[in-house]
Amino acid sequence: MPHLRLFAVTDSVAETLSETLLPELAEITQTPVEEYSIQLIQGQFFQAGQKSNGNPQVEVLWFERNLHVQNKCAKAITNALLAYYSDVDIQVAFTNIGQKQYYINGDHF
């Protein structure tokens, strides 16, 4: 934790982000990079009854941080994806998970 879910992103971009973006986010949040993970969610997008490529989206699941840190992370994620997807909107959403709702091996974090 934190865990990033990527949508409408290629395998190669996800692999690259795991090497380049995660250390940057770890530095911003002061969290060991080993605590971060990326999951690529593959699926088909549709708009107006037609298949579409969809816009790159990132959902960040994490323990709540202050807004300043969240803003810096959103900007870092957006900038990293803009290098590959400069012609579409990049969407980033944060889902805060309370420590009482997060378990490792059956125990509260």
Foldseek 3Di string as FASTA:
>chain_A
DFEKEKELDDPVLQVVCLVPVLVVLCVLVVHPSVVYYYHYDYDWDDDPRHTDSDAIEMEIEEADDDPVSVVVSVVSVQVSCCVPPVPDDYYYHYDHDDQQRDDDPRHGD
